[in-house]
Structure formats: structure tokens, C-alpha cells
Amino acid sequence: MSDIFREVDEDLRRDQLVSFWKRYGATVVGGAVLIVVATAGYVGWKEWRASEMEKRTAVLSAALAKARPEEGAPDVKVAGDALAAAASQLGQSQAVIARLYEAGLRARNGQRDEAVALYDQIAGSGESDALLRDMATLLSVQLQMDAGDPAKLGQRIAPLLTAGNPWRASATELAGLLAAKTGDNARAEQLFKQLAEDAQAPQGVRSRATELAALFAAPK
């Protein structure tokens, strides 16, 4: 079973954060728009926005460079401190990204409790983007798969199983494994069959779900 968890873990790497940043980075200071427009006018706001984005991006990039050095492994303490410091200087969405990177770094360094605490902080923040809150929930549950209460973890991840949720495939996979850990193989089989037939799920996830559905199927 540990091999399954490791394989699932590989599909939830920080590349998700990179993709999110590339897609939504230009809008992360949108929360300040009304204040700036009201006081400076559109032209002034446009210049301010570009300057602010440049400064914040530089802060985040510098911190990420320490977390992702070109050579060798990162110094976890230095990188973690840099990301935490960056989070205090950034807008809400950028700060969340910095904390997500910090949590991922600590998780890979074996600091599970610290990583879970960071993920749970993000997941419980009403100010964070819903996409990132759900991602944090998913990663928190993932880290607790071995030692956490599977029933409680299953309840936490249940809202991510709804149609249209971008994390549905990964959440369904974890939910199936959690069901199996509680001894509910019928539920596990049901979830994996559902995932195997989900045309929106990545092909690799669907293939793995087919194998897992067979693994937990009731004997004929």
C-alpha cells in the first residue's frame, strides 16, 4: 500500500503551483484595485499596478530561488525562513503561494507536522482563493494518510469530490484509499470505478484507478 501512496504523491507535486502562478499571477493584486482607482485614477493605477507586481514578483522569485536552487538540495531552514518572510511582504494570493511552497519544502524534508499546519492554515483561510484552499486541503490530507484518522480525513476531502472541482480526480483517488483503510472495500471499489470511467481525469490516474478497483473488488 505504501507504494500506492508514493505514486499518488508524485502526481501532487509543486508543479501545480507553478501552473497556477503562470495562469493567475497577473491578477493577484486585484484586491487593491478599488482603493487605487478611487485615489489615483486609471493611468496612475495602471503604473502602480505594474510597479507593485514587479516588486512582489521579485520578492517571491528571490524566495523561490532559495527553495529551488539550480544545483543541489535547498537548505530547508534558509529556504523556509525566506518563504515565510516573503509571505509577510506579499499580497494575499502571492503569500499563499509562498506558504504552499514552504509547506511542500518542509514535507519533503520530513517535517510533516509543520507542513500540515501550513496547509491547514491556508485551507481554513476565508481570504485565500478557493482553488488554493482546496489544494491545501488535498495536500494536508495526503500527508496524513499514514498516521491520520482515515474516517476524519475522508470527511475533510469529501467536498472536493463534487463535479466541477478541479481537484476531483486526485481527491477521489485519496478518498478511495481512505475508504480502504477503514475497511470499506466496497466504497473503495466504487470510487475507483467511478474514477476509471471519468473522462476528465488524467489517463495515468484512470489507469491506476482501474487497477485499484480490481484490487478492492469483492471476490467472485
Foldseek 3Di string as FASTA:
>chain_A
DVVVLVVLVVVLDCVVLVVCCVVCVLCLVVVCVVVCCVPPNDVVVVVVSVVQSVVLVVLLVVLVCQCPPPDDHHPLVSSLVSLCVSLVVHGDASSLSSLLSNLNSCVVVVVLVVSLVSLCVQLPDPPYDPLSNLSSLLVSLSSCLVPDQLVVNLVSLVVCCDPPRPCNLSSLQSNLSSCVVVVNLVSSLVSLVVSLPDPPDDPVSNVVSVVSNVVSDDDD
